[in-house]
Structure formats: structure tokens, C-alpha cells
Amino acid sequence: FKNGRGKCFLYLLFEHQSTPDKWVRYRIVKYKTRIWDQSFQKNKDQDQLIPILSMVFYMGESNWNFSPEFSDLFCETPVPQKYLPSFEHILLDYSNKSLEFKGAIKIKIAHLLIQAHFKGCLKELFQPLMDAFSLLRIQSWRNRIYDWRQWQW
């Protein structure tokens, strides 16, 4: 979001996968560090990280059963939690939806994102996008995704 109060990257990763994968959180961290590296390369005077909102879309057959919390990947340790990296991603779990429904919503979301990118109006299309996502049962802060993009508005 860019509105005088700050910025945020909306990070979408679409990944075809038939089963849930607990390591998606690890891949998200790797993608985030790449995005931040690119941001520092483009903006040499940048003095802070820009927040990245991560959304995972899962459309497999079985329910998603992994935590969205990155720190849950660590083994048991005497190290206090506050010293471990911690973040959650938004999970959009569409495993209980029909193939036709999933396909129609994916097309609508892709259309809105393409329109927002080329017309530079993601801010105006944010609510229609959220409405489309809500049709697919937003469950919690986790899931799986299919091709990643960063969007800034």
C-alpha cells in the first residue's frame, strides 16, 4: 500500500500441488529475501524493509493441515521464541470447492490482477479482489500458490 503512511508488497505465489506442504513457509522466506534484495538494488537510499503480505492459495483435494506460522518449522529448542524468525502467511484453502468453482474464481482473480497491473489501478481493484478471494473460503493465514508476483500500490 502506498498512501503517505507507508508501503506494502502483496506477494502472491501460485503453485500447483496436489497435497499440502509444510515447507511452503520456508520457500516464502526465500522469496521474501529475494524481493527485499531487489528492492535494495533498485532503491539505493532505502533504509528500511518494505513489509510483504504473503498469501498462499491451496486447491488440492485434501484439507490443508499445516500451521501458517514460520517458527513452527523449528525443532524443539531451549532458544527462546523471541529469537526465532516469526511470521504467518494468509491461507486461502479451497480444497472443499468443486473444480469448476476453483477454475472460475482463479480466472476472475487473474483477470483483476492483470487489469490492475496494466492499468495501474490495484488500489481501486483491491476490494473486488478481496470479494473474489472470499468466495473461496478464506480459512486462516496459510496455503499454497502457483506463480509469484509482487504488487505495490
Protein backbone atom coordinates (compact mmCIF):
# COMPACT_ATOMS: atom_id res chain seq x y z
CA PHE A 1 0.00 0.00 0.00
CA LYS A 2 1.33 3.42 -0.82
CA ASN A 3 -0.71 6.18 0.78
CA GLY A 4 1.57 8.51 2.66
CA ARG A 5 1.65 6.20 5.68
CA GLY A 6 3.88 3.59 4.15
CA LYS A 7 4.22 0.79 1.65
CA CYS A 8 3.48 -2.90 1.49
CA PHE A 9 4.17 -5.53 -1.16
CA LEU A 10 1.36 -8.00 -1.80
CA TYR A 11 3.08 -11.26 -2.64
CA LEU A 12 1.14 -13.95 -4.47
CA LEU A 13 2.59 -17.36 -5.23
CA PHE A 14 0.56 -19.83 -7.23
CA GLU A 15 1.93 -23.33 -7.14
CA HIS A 16 0.13 -26.38 -8.50
CA GLN A 17 0.28 -29.01 -5.81
CA SER A 18 -1.97 -31.92 -5.04
CA THR A 19 -1.08 -32.24 -1.35
CA PRO A 20 -0.37 -29.79 1.49
CA ASP A 21 3.30 -28.92 2.04
CA LYS A 22 4.64 -27.65 5.35
CA TRP A 23 7.76 -26.25 3.65
CA VAL A 24 5.84 -23.57 1.72
CA ARG A 25 6.64 -21.26 4.66
CA TYR A 26 10.35 -21.80 4.09
CA ARG A 27 10.00 -21.04 0.37
CA ILE A 28 8.09 -17.86 1.21
CA VAL A 29 11.01 -16.66 3.35
CA LYS A 30 13.39 -17.30 0.44
CA TYR A 31 11.12 -15.39 -1.95
CA LYS A 32 10.79 -12.51 0.53
CA THR A 33 14.56 -12.15 0.88
CA ARG A 34 14.89 -12.06 -2.92
CA ILE A 35 12.23 -9.35 -3.15
CA TRP A 36 13.98 -7.31 -0.44
CA ASP A 37 17.34 -7.76 -2.19
CA GLN A 38 15.82 -6.46 -5.43
CA SER A 39 14.23 -3.56 -3.58
CA PHE A 40 17.59 -2.51 -2.12
CA GLN A 41 19.23 -2.82 -5.54
CA LYS A 42 16.58 -0.56 -7.13
CA ASN A 43 16.44 1.92 -4.25
CA LYS A 44 19.99 2.50 -3.03
CA ASP A 45 18.84 5.02 -0.39
CA GLN A 46 16.25 2.65 1.14
CA ASP A 47 16.80 2.45 4.90
CA GLN A 48 14.03 0.03 5.93
CA LEU A 49 12.44 -3.18 4.72
CA ILE A 50 9.08 -2.87 2.99
CA PRO A 51 6.54 -5.27 4.55
CA ILE A 52 5.42 -8.17 2.37
CA LEU A 53 1.95 -9.63 2.85
CA SER A 54 2.14 -13.29 1.82
CA MET A 55 -0.91 -15.15 0.56
CA VAL A 56 -0.99 -18.88 -0.16
CA PHE A 57 -3.72 -20.39 -2.33
CA TYR A 58 -4.30 -24.11 -1.90
CA MET A 59 -6.60 -26.03 -4.22
CA GLY A 60 -5.64 -29.63 -3.54
CA GLU A 61 -8.05 -32.43 -2.70
CA SER A 62 -7.23 -32.90 0.99
CA ASN A 63 -7.59 -30.17 3.60
CA TRP A 64 -4.56 -28.04 4.45
CA ASN A 65 -3.35 -29.18 7.86
CA PHE A 66 -0.14 -27.22 8.49
CA SER A 67 0.33 -24.16 10.61
CA PRO A 68 0.84 -20.86 8.79
CA GLU A 69 3.45 -19.84 11.41
CA PHE A 70 7.04 -19.99 10.13
CA SER A 71 8.55 -20.52 13.59
CA ASP A 72 6.61 -23.80 13.91
CA LEU A 73 9.14 -25.31 11.49
CA PHE A 74 11.90 -25.19 14.11
CA CYS A 75 12.73 -28.27 16.17
CA GLU A 76 12.32 -28.19 19.92
CA THR A 77 14.97 -25.92 21.32
CA PRO A 78 15.93 -24.15 24.53
CA VAL A 79 16.32 -20.97 22.45
CA PRO A 80 13.56 -18.52 23.46
CA GLN A 81 10.83 -18.00 20.83
CA LYS A 82 11.61 -14.28 20.59
CA TYR A 83 14.97 -15.14 18.96
CA LEU A 84 13.41 -17.20 16.16
CA PRO A 85 12.12 -15.66 12.93
CA SER A 86 8.35 -15.46 13.06
CA PHE A 87 5.65 -14.59 10.52
CA GLU A 88 2.41 -16.04 9.19
CA HIS A 89 1.00 -16.16 5.70
CA ILE A 90 -2.64 -15.83 4.74
CA LEU A 91 -4.10 -19.21 3.81
CA LEU A 92 -6.85 -19.45 1.23
CA ASP A 93 -7.84 -23.12 1.37
CA TYR A 94 -10.16 -24.07 -1.48
CA SER A 95 -9.81 -27.82 -1.08
CA ASN A 96 -13.54 -28.24 -0.44
CA LYS A 97 -14.62 -26.42 -3.63
CA SER A 98 -15.53 -28.01 -6.98
CA LEU A 99 -13.07 -27.90 -9.88
CA GLU A 100 -15.44 -25.67 -11.85
CA PHE A 101 -15.72 -23.22 -8.98
CA LYS A 102 -11.95 -23.13 -8.43
CA GLY A 103 -11.30 -22.54 -12.11
CA ALA A 104 -13.83 -19.72 -12.42
CA ILE A 105 -12.51 -17.88 -9.37
CA LYS A 106 -8.87 -18.32 -10.45
CA ILE A 107 -9.73 -16.78 -13.82
CA LYS A 108 -11.53 -13.85 -12.15
CA ILE A 109 -8.62 -13.20 -9.77
CA ALA A 110 -6.06 -13.44 -12.59
CA HIS A 111 -8.13 -11.05 -14.71
CA LEU A 112 -8.36 -8.48 -11.89
CA LEU A 113 -4.63 -8.70 -11.17
CA ILE A 114 -3.69 -8.31 -14.84
CA GLN A 115 -6.10 -5.39 -15.19
CA ALA A 116 -4.68 -3.74 -12.06
CA HIS A 117 -1.11 -4.21 -13.23
CA PHE A 118 -1.55 -2.81 -16.73
CA LYS A 119 -3.95 -0.02 -15.77
CA GLY A 120 -2.06 0.86 -12.58
CA CYS A 121 -5.25 0.72 -10.52
CA LEU A 122 -4.65 -2.03 -7.98
CA LYS A 123 -5.84 0.25 -5.19
CA GLU A 124 -9.26 0.59 -6.87
CA LEU A 125 -9.47 -3.15 -7.56
CA PHE A 126 -8.39 -4.21 -4.08
CA GLN A 127 -11.97 -4.67 -2.80
CA PRO A 128 -13.18 -6.66 -5.85
CA LEU A 129 -10.12 -8.89 -5.40
CA MET A 130 -10.91 -9.44 -1.73
CA ASP A 131 -14.52 -10.22 -2.70
CA ALA A 132 -13.29 -12.85 -5.18
CA PHE A 133 -10.96 -14.35 -2.55
CA SER A 134 -13.81 -14.51 -0.04
CA LEU A 135 -15.83 -16.69 -2.42
CA LEU A 136 -13.18 -19.34 -1.97
CA ARG A 137 -13.43 -19.61 1.84
CA ILE A 138 -10.57 -17.75 3.45
CA GLN A 139 -9.65 -20.06 6.30
CA SER A 140 -6.63 -18.73 8.15
CA TRP A 141 -3.18 -17.31 7.45
CA ARG A 142 -1.71 -20.17 5.33
CA ASN A 143 -1.74 -22.08 1.91
CA ARG A 144 -0.04 -22.91 -1.41
CA ILE A 145 0.46 -20.92 -4.64
CA TYR A 146 1.26 -21.04 -8.43
CA ASP A 147 3.49 -18.25 -9.84
CA TRP A 148 4.72 -15.40 -7.74
CA ARG A 149 4.39 -11.68 -8.26
CA GLN A 150 4.86 -8.67 -6.14
CA TRP A 151 2.43 -5.79 -6.43
CA GLN A 152 2.98 -2.37 -4.97
CA TRP A 153 0.36 0.32 -4.73
